[in-house]
């Protein structure tokens, strides 16, 4: 399960002191109730042929430097109640995966054996099968809202959704040439190496829950997954959302509802304490050692939706990094000074007069989409129009 548990969810103490002109001394509140290095377990045991993914990490002090431990030597195993033992493969960075067809007709538990010898085990988990669902969207007051629609029953009452986003964007200018310092010549860039088009990515960062029993006929209609703000670059060309729906049992729903409330109440002194959020994972030798996380099992469902800009038109995209991107001209005599020192990037030849007098030019930030964090490599799952 790809819900990311924000560590600040588990210890929220915010104090802001505003003073008049004068000396200000750093203030470090005492946090006596928070424990460092609590194991955090995220994931979902996928039965019936899906991919099981388990993520391990740990909490850290509010003032700690660096990232939380990722348990590189951990052994993670799925255990069948009647039969079967499946070891997950370490993918690095605390991620473990299993691509096996686990039988649907038995319960499972998760075993975690850390490199330091500590062992954790989950309670037995009954797999739950998610019904099908679909994704829709509307445009209201300039923004676009994306929804999930499904129908529950007595066996499928509590739902959780996660999603991943992918979108295409382009730079305002295209550089077709590189400048070769050694020869002083321009080298044509191969089509597949052009850097004007990129794909970028994001994922759900909040807990999205619903209980179908709250609605007539258990039909959940237009449960909002996210809102895409007007002017967002996500809908500037083509956008994809890939959503996954899970069914939870009541105890798992209570756990995630506690996490959701902690997340939504950031900064509130009335937020529930982390200890109030239960877990179905325990330390084998000492059950009093706290663990954060709740493992569920079953068959999830997934859907994808593409939205093109013309489907939500008029849609005006504003990318702040590209504001002020201009085209200049560079004379042949100035190539080494302008291009050789990286001040400009060549676009294409300036042949408004004959013979050609130089090159049109812009900056790297206006011609290389990777600078904004995207990739020029089209994802394998991406479908063009």
Protein backbone atom coordinates (compact mmCIF):
# COMPACT_ATOMS: atom_id res chain seq x y z
CA UNK A 1 0.00 0.00 0.00
CA UNK A 2 1.52 3.29 -1.10
CA UNK A 3 0.06 5.57 1.53
CA UNK A 4 3.02 7.46 2.98
CA UNK A 5 2.86 7.89 6.73
CA UNK A 6 4.19 11.36 7.41
CA UNK A 7 6.32 11.04 10.52
CA UNK A 8 5.14 14.42 11.74
CA UNK A 9 1.71 12.84 12.02
CA UNK A 10 2.90 10.97 15.08
CA UNK A 11 4.27 13.85 17.08
CA UNK A 12 2.77 17.29 16.53
CA UNK A 13 3.97 20.02 18.83
CA UNK A 14 4.10 23.48 17.31
CA UNK A 15 5.09 26.57 19.27
CA UNK A 16 5.71 29.92 17.59
CA UNK A 17 7.01 32.88 19.62
CA UNK A 18 6.64 36.35 18.11
CA UNK A 19 8.61 39.07 19.83
CA UNK A 20 9.36 42.73 19.29
CA UNK A 21 12.79 43.94 18.21
CA UNK A 22 15.49 42.43 20.38
CA UNK A 23 17.42 39.24 20.95
CA UNK A 24 15.80 35.94 20.04
CA UNK A 25 17.00 32.69 21.56
CA UNK A 26 16.22 29.30 19.98
CA UNK A 27 13.46 27.45 21.80
CA UNK A 28 13.60 23.64 22.05
CA UNK A 29 10.46 22.20 23.69
CA UNK A 30 10.78 19.05 25.76
CA UNK A 31 9.19 16.10 23.99
CA UNK A 32 9.02 13.45 26.64
CA UNK A 33 6.23 11.30 25.21
CA UNK A 34 7.87 10.65 21.84
CA UNK A 35 10.18 7.68 21.33
CA UNK A 36 12.86 7.53 18.65
CA UNK A 37 13.30 4.58 16.30
CA UNK A 38 9.79 3.17 16.48
CA UNK A 39 9.33 0.69 13.66
CA UNK A 40 6.96 1.96 10.95
CA UNK A 41 5.41 -0.71 8.72
CA UNK A 42 3.38 0.15 5.62
CA UNK A 43 1.94 -2.25 3.10
CA UNK A 44 -0.68 -4.63 1.85
CA UNK A 45 -0.57 -8.39 1.28
CA UNK A 46 -1.95 -8.85 -2.22
CA UNK A 47 -3.52 -12.25 -2.84
CA UNK A 48 -4.69 -13.74 -6.12
CA UNK A 49 -1.69 -12.73 -8.22
CA UNK A 50 -1.05 -9.09 -7.35
CA UNK A 51 2.21 -7.58 -6.10
CA UNK A 52 2.72 -7.35 -2.35
CA UNK A 53 4.78 -4.39 -1.23
CA UNK A 54 5.93 -3.72 2.34
CA UNK A 55 7.84 -0.60 3.37
CA UNK A 56 9.90 -0.41 6.56
CA UNK A 57 11.20 2.74 8.19
CA UNK A 58 11.44 4.24 11.66
CA UNK A 59 10.49 7.40 13.43
CA UNK A 60 13.15 9.92 14.36
CA UNK A 61 13.55 12.82 16.71
CA UNK A 62 12.14 16.18 15.72
CA UNK A 63 15.67 17.58 15.76
CA UNK A 64 17.51 14.58 14.32
CA UNK A 65 19.70 15.05 11.27
CA UNK A 66 19.49 12.74 8.28
CA UNK A 67 16.81 10.28 7.26
CA UNK A 68 15.11 7.57 9.25
CA UNK A 69 16.62 4.10 9.31
CA UNK A 70 15.64 1.84 6.40
CA UNK A 71 16.57 -1.57 7.88
CA UNK A 72 18.74 -2.82 5.00
CA UNK A 73 19.29 -6.29 6.47
CA UNK A 74 15.67 -7.05 7.34
CA UNK A 75 13.95 -10.29 6.33
CA UNK A 76 10.26 -9.90 5.50
CA UNK A 77 8.12 -13.01 5.05
CA UNK A 78 4.42 -13.65 4.38
CA UNK A 79 3.13 -16.70 6.29
CA UNK A 80 0.01 -18.64 5.31
CA UNK A 81 -2.21 -19.80 8.16
CA UNK A 82 -2.50 -23.33 6.74
CA UNK A 83 0.40 -23.52 4.32
CA UNK A 84 3.01 -21.48 2.51
CA UNK A 85 5.94 -19.24 3.34
CA UNK A 86 6.89 -16.46 0.91
CA UNK A 87 10.01 -14.31 1.33
CA UNK A 88 9.86 -10.77 -0.02
CA UNK A 89 12.72 -9.43 -2.11
CA UNK A 90 14.51 -6.34 -0.85
CA UNK A 91 14.28 -3.52 -3.40
CA UNK A 92 16.42 -1.15 -1.32
CA UNK A 93 15.46 1.91 0.67
CA UNK A 94 13.28 -0.14 3.00
CA UNK A 95 11.04 -1.51 0.24
CA UNK A 96 10.25 -5.22 -0.06
CA UNK A 97 8.22 -6.85 -2.83
CA UNK A 98 6.63 -10.19 -3.61
CA UNK A 99 5.12 -11.18 -6.96
CA UNK A 100 3.50 -14.52 -6.22
CA UNK A 101 -0.01 -15.88 -6.63
CA UNK A 102 -1.04 -16.21 -2.98
CA UNK A 103 -4.16 -18.36 -2.41
CA UNK A 104 -7.30 -16.42 -1.58
CA UNK A 105 -8.79 -19.06 0.74
CA UNK A 106 -6.57 -18.68 3.80
CA UNK A 107 -5.47 -16.06 6.30
CA UNK A 108 -1.98 -14.55 6.42
CA UNK A 109 0.45 -12.90 8.77
CA UNK A 110 3.56 -10.86 8.17
CA UNK A 111 6.89 -11.72 9.81
CA UNK A 112 9.69 -9.14 10.09
CA UNK A 113 13.15 -10.15 11.31
CA UNK A 114 15.48 -7.18 11.69
CA UNK A 115 19.24 -7.30 11.33
CA UNK A 116 19.68 -6.58 15.05
CA UNK A 117 17.76 -9.76 15.91
CA UNK A 118 14.44 -8.14 16.82
CA UNK A 119 11.39 -9.93 15.46
CA UNK A 120 7.91 -8.61 14.74
CA UNK A 121 4.78 -10.44 13.71
CA UNK A 122 1.35 -9.32 12.59
CA UNK A 123 -1.90 -10.81 13.74
CA UNK A 124 -3.65 -13.19 11.32
CA UNK A 125 -5.31 -11.21 8.53
CA UNK A 126 -8.36 -12.31 6.55
CA UNK A 127 -8.17 -11.28 2.87
CA UNK A 128 -10.94 -8.98 1.64
CA UNK A 129 -11.85 -8.64 -2.03
CA UNK A 130 -12.46 -5.16 -3.38
CA UNK A 131 -15.36 -4.57 -5.77
CA UNK A 132 -14.69 -2.83 -9.07
CA UNK A 133 -14.68 0.97 -9.20
CA UNK A 134 -14.26 3.74 -11.70
CA UNK A 135 -12.81 7.25 -11.82
CA UNK A 136 -14.54 10.38 -13.03
CA UNK A 137 -13.88 14.10 -13.00
CA UNK A 138 -15.70 17.40 -13.13
CA UNK A 139 -14.60 20.97 -13.68
CA UNK A 140 -16.00 23.49 -11.21
CA UNK A 141 -15.01 27.13 -10.74
CA UNK A 142 -11.89 26.61 -12.81
CA UNK A 143 -10.56 23.63 -10.84
CA UNK A 144 -10.80 19.95 -11.78
CA UNK A 145 -11.99 17.43 -9.20
CA UNK A 146 -11.19 13.73 -9.61
CA UNK A 147 -13.49 11.18 -7.97
CA UNK A 148 -13.80 7.49 -7.21
CA UNK A 149 -17.15 5.71 -7.58
CA UNK A 150 -17.88 2.27 -6.14
CA UNK A 151 -20.46 0.19 -4.31
CA UNK A 152 -19.92 -1.75 -1.11
CA UNK A 153 -21.82 -4.51 0.67
CA UNK A 154 -21.73 -6.33 4.00
CA UNK A 155 -18.33 -7.85 3.23
CA UNK A 156 -16.93 -4.67 1.64
CA UNK A 157 -17.87 -1.70 3.79
CA UNK A 158 -14.68 0.24 4.48
CA UNK A 159 -12.58 1.64 1.64
CA UNK A 160 -9.20 3.28 1.25
CA UNK A 161 -7.78 4.81 -1.95
CA UNK A 162 -4.28 5.77 -3.02
CA UNK A 163 -3.18 7.20 -6.35
CA UNK A 164 -0.19 8.12 -8.48
CA UNK A 165 -0.11 11.01 -10.96
CA UNK A 166 1.85 11.45 -14.17
CA UNK A 167 1.75 14.44 -16.47
CA UNK A 168 3.54 15.73 -19.51
CA UNK A 169 4.95 19.23 -19.80
CA UNK A 170 7.14 21.10 -22.25
CA UNK A 171 9.67 23.89 -22.17
CA UNK A 172 8.81 27.12 -23.99
CA UNK A 173 11.89 26.77 -26.23
CA UNK A 174 13.51 23.79 -27.96
CA UNK A 175 17.26 23.44 -28.27
CA UNK A 176 18.17 21.48 -31.41
CA UNK A 177 21.94 21.93 -31.13
CA UNK A 178 24.84 21.57 -28.72
CA UNK A 179 27.90 23.77 -28.92
CA UNK A 180 31.20 21.86 -29.22
CA UNK A 181 33.89 23.83 -27.36
CA UNK A 182 36.77 22.01 -29.00
CA UNK A 183 35.76 22.62 -32.62
CA UNK A 184 33.69 25.75 -32.16
CA UNK A 185 30.90 24.14 -34.18
CA UNK A 186 27.26 23.34 -33.56
CA UNK A 187 26.28 19.66 -33.30
CA UNK A 188 22.74 18.63 -34.18
CA UNK A 189 20.99 16.81 -31.32
CA UNK A 190 19.36 13.47 -32.14
CA UNK A 191 15.58 13.57 -31.97
CA UNK A 192 15.43 11.13 -29.04
CA UNK A 193 17.87 13.27 -27.03
CA UNK A 194 15.92 16.53 -27.19
CA UNK A 195 15.10 17.92 -23.75
CA UNK A 196 11.96 19.95 -24.38
CA UNK A 197 9.41 17.32 -23.29
CA UNK A 198 9.24 15.68 -19.86
CA UNK A 199 7.05 13.60 -17.62
CA UNK A 200 6.68 14.37 -13.94
CA UNK A 201 5.13 12.45 -11.07
CA UNK A 202 3.34 12.78 -7.74
CA UNK A 203 1.33 10.57 -5.42
CA UNK A 204 -1.40 10.80 -2.79
CA UNK A 205 -0.23 12.43 0.41
CA UNK A 206 -3.36 12.23 2.53
CA UNK A 207 -5.49 9.39 3.82
CA UNK A 208 -8.64 8.95 1.71
CA UNK A 209 -11.28 6.83 3.47
CA UNK A 210 -14.99 6.13 3.22
CA UNK A 211 -17.58 3.77 4.68
CA UNK A 212 -20.23 2.64 2.19
CA UNK A 213 -22.75 2.04 4.98
CA UNK A 214 -23.17 5.81 5.23
CA UNK A 215 -24.88 5.90 1.83
CA UNK A 216 -28.08 4.60 0.30
CA UNK A 217 -27.60 1.17 -1.30
CA UNK A 218 -23.96 1.30 -0.13
CA UNK A 219 -23.17 3.33 -3.24
CA UNK A 220 -20.21 5.69 -2.91
CA UNK A 221 -20.62 8.35 -5.58
CA UNK A 222 -17.95 10.92 -6.36
CA UNK A 223 -15.64 10.40 -3.41
CA UNK A 224 -13.06 13.11 -4.06
CA UNK A 225 -9.53 11.86 -4.55
CA UNK A 226 -7.94 15.20 -5.35
CA UNK A 227 -8.47 18.65 -6.80
CA UNK A 228 -6.25 19.99 -9.58
CA UNK A 229 -6.06 23.74 -9.15
CA UNK A 230 -6.64 26.03 -12.08
CA UNK A 231 -3.40 27.12 -13.81
CA UNK A 232 -1.76 23.81 -12.78
CA UNK A 233 0.74 22.44 -15.27
CA UNK A 234 -0.67 18.94 -14.69
CA UNK A 235 -3.41 19.58 -17.23
CA UNK A 236 -1.24 21.65 -19.54
CA UNK A 237 -0.93 18.84 -22.12
CA UNK A 238 -1.91 15.35 -20.97
CA UNK A 239 -2.46 13.94 -17.48
CA UNK A 240 -2.81 10.43 -16.05
CA UNK A 241 -4.02 9.29 -12.65
CA UNK A 242 -3.64 5.68 -11.55
CA UNK A 243 -5.79 4.90 -8.51
CA UNK A 244 -5.98 1.79 -6.36
CA UNK A 245 -8.89 0.83 -4.13
CA UNK A 246 -8.57 -1.34 -1.01
CA UNK A 247 -11.22 -2.85 1.24
CA UNK A 248 -10.40 -2.73 4.97
CA UNK A 249 -11.81 -4.47 7.98
CA UNK A 250 -13.22 -2.35 10.78
CA UNK A 251 -10.02 -2.38 12.85
CA UNK A 252 -7.90 -1.26 9.90
CA UNK A 253 -10.42 1.48 9.13
CA UNK A 254 -10.20 2.73 12.72
CA UNK A 255 -6.40 2.78 12.43
CA UNK A 256 -6.41 4.79 9.20
CA UNK A 257 -9.10 7.11 10.51
CA UNK A 258 -6.83 7.87 13.46
CA UNK A 259 -3.96 8.60 11.09
CA UNK A 260 -6.23 10.79 8.97
CA UNK A 261 -7.34 12.82 11.96
CA UNK A 262 -3.77 13.26 13.15
CA UNK A 263 -2.82 14.44 9.67
CA UNK A 264 -5.74 16.83 9.38
CA UNK A 265 -5.23 18.25 12.86
CA UNK A 266 -1.60 19.26 12.46
CA UNK A 267 -0.86 22.06 14.88
CA UNK A 268 -3.85 21.41 17.13
CA UNK A 269 -3.17 20.77 20.82
CA UNK A 270 -6.25 18.53 20.84
CA UNK A 271 -4.85 16.08 18.27
CA UNK A 272 -4.99 12.45 19.42
CA UNK A 273 -1.66 11.15 20.65
CA UNK A 274 0.16 8.61 18.46
CA UNK A 275 -0.24 6.01 21.17
CA UNK A 276 -3.99 6.18 20.63
CA UNK A 277 -3.53 4.68 17.15
CA UNK A 278 -3.48 0.90 17.47
CA UNK A 279 -1.53 -1.57 15.32
CA UNK A 280 -1.94 -5.22 14.37
CA UNK A 281 1.85 -5.73 14.44
CA UNK A 282 3.71 -6.56 17.65
CA UNK A 283 7.21 -7.25 18.91
CA UNK A 284 7.50 -11.02 19.44
CA UNK A 285 9.64 -10.91 22.62
CA UNK A 286 8.17 -7.75 24.13
CA UNK A 287 4.63 -6.79 23.01
CA UNK A 288 4.93 -3.52 24.96
CA UNK A 289 7.40 -2.16 22.37
CA UNK A 290 5.33 0.17 20.16
CA UNK A 291 4.90 -0.33 16.41
CA UNK A 292 3.28 2.06 13.94
CA UNK A 293 1.38 0.59 11.02
CA UNK A 294 -1.46 -1.70 10.09
CA UNK A 295 -1.18 -4.51 7.55
CA UNK A 296 -4.21 -5.60 5.53
CA UNK A 297 -4.64 -8.29 2.89
CA UNK A 298 -6.88 -9.05 -0.06
CA UNK A 299 -7.44 -8.23 -3.70
CA UNK A 300 -7.26 -4.55 -4.54
CA UNK A 301 -8.57 -2.95 -7.74
CA UNK A 302 -6.89 -0.38 -9.94
CA UNK A 303 -8.07 2.12 -12.52
CA UNK A 304 -6.42 4.76 -14.66
CA UNK A 305 -7.79 7.89 -16.25
CA UNK A 306 -6.25 10.24 -18.81
CA UNK A 307 -7.31 13.87 -19.16
CA UNK A 308 -6.23 16.01 -22.10
CA UNK A 309 -6.08 19.76 -21.96
CA UNK A 310 -8.79 20.16 -24.61
CA UNK A 311 -11.17 18.14 -22.45
CA UNK A 312 -11.10 20.79 -19.73
CA UNK A 313 -10.65 23.84 -21.93
CA UNK A 314 -10.31 26.66 -21.44
CA UNK A 315 -7.27 25.74 -19.33
CA UNK A 316 -4.48 28.23 -18.93
CA UNK A 317 -1.24 26.76 -17.60
CA UNK A 318 1.20 28.90 -15.68
CA UNK A 319 4.67 27.52 -14.92
CA UNK A 320 6.49 30.11 -12.86
CA UNK A 321 9.93 28.81 -13.84
CA UNK A 322 9.17 29.63 -17.46
CA UNK A 323 7.98 33.16 -16.91
CA UNK A 324 10.38 35.56 -18.60
CA UNK A 325 11.89 32.99 -20.99
CA UNK A 326 13.14 35.05 -23.91
CA UNK A 327 14.90 34.35 -27.20
CA UNK A 328 18.12 36.22 -27.94
CA UNK A 329 20.51 36.13 -30.89
CA UNK A 330 24.18 35.25 -30.72
CA UNK A 331 26.55 36.23 -33.53
CA UNK A 332 29.08 33.70 -34.82
CA UNK A 333 31.95 35.66 -33.30
CA UNK A 334 30.37 35.37 -29.84
CA UNK A 335 29.76 31.62 -29.80
CA UNK A 336 32.60 30.77 -27.45
CA UNK A 337 31.76 33.54 -25.02
CA UNK A 338 28.01 32.96 -24.92
CA UNK A 339 27.68 29.22 -25.52
CA UNK A 340 31.08 27.98 -24.31
CA UNK A 341 30.61 29.45 -20.84
CA UNK A 342 27.06 28.15 -20.48
CA UNK A 343 25.35 31.53 -20.50
CA UNK A 344 23.14 30.54 -23.41
CA UNK A 345 21.91 27.38 -25.12
CA UNK A 346 21.66 27.32 -28.94
CA UNK A 347 18.16 26.86 -30.33
CA UNK A 348 18.37 26.99 -34.12
CA UNK A 349 20.20 28.94 -36.78
CA UNK A 350 19.44 32.61 -37.37
CA UNK A 351 18.96 32.85 -41.11
CA UNK A 352 16.71 35.87 -41.30
CA UNK A 353 19.44 37.32 -43.51
CA UNK A 354 21.72 35.49 -45.90
CA UNK A 355 24.23 34.18 -45.17
CA UNK A 356 23.09 32.99 -41.74
CA UNK A 357 24.45 35.36 -39.12
CA UNK A 358 24.40 33.21 -35.98
CA UNK A 359 22.04 31.33 -33.71
CA UNK A 360 18.90 32.06 -31.78
CA UNK A 361 19.51 31.27 -28.11
CA UNK A 362 17.87 30.92 -24.73
CA UNK A 363 18.88 29.66 -21.29
CA UNK A 364 19.13 26.08 -20.06
CA UNK A 365 16.22 26.60 -17.69
CA UNK A 366 13.99 27.43 -20.66
CA UNK A 367 15.13 24.52 -22.86
CA UNK A 368 15.84 21.56 -20.55
CA UNK A 369 12.72 20.24 -18.84
CA UNK A 370 14.78 17.97 -16.59
CA UNK A 371 15.90 20.97 -14.56
CA UNK A 372 12.40 21.06 -13.06
CA UNK A 373 12.68 17.46 -11.85
CA UNK A 374 11.04 15.63 -14.73
CA UNK A 375 12.41 12.93 -17.00
CA UNK A 376 12.59 12.79 -20.79
CA UNK A 377 12.11 9.01 -20.67
CA UNK A 378 8.49 8.16 -21.40
CA UNK A 379 7.09 5.79 -18.73
CA UNK A 380 6.34 2.28 -19.96
CA UNK A 381 2.69 2.60 -18.93
CA UNK A 382 2.12 5.95 -20.67
CA UNK A 383 -0.39 5.89 -23.51
CA UNK A 384 -0.22 8.66 -26.08
CA UNK A 385 -3.39 10.09 -27.53
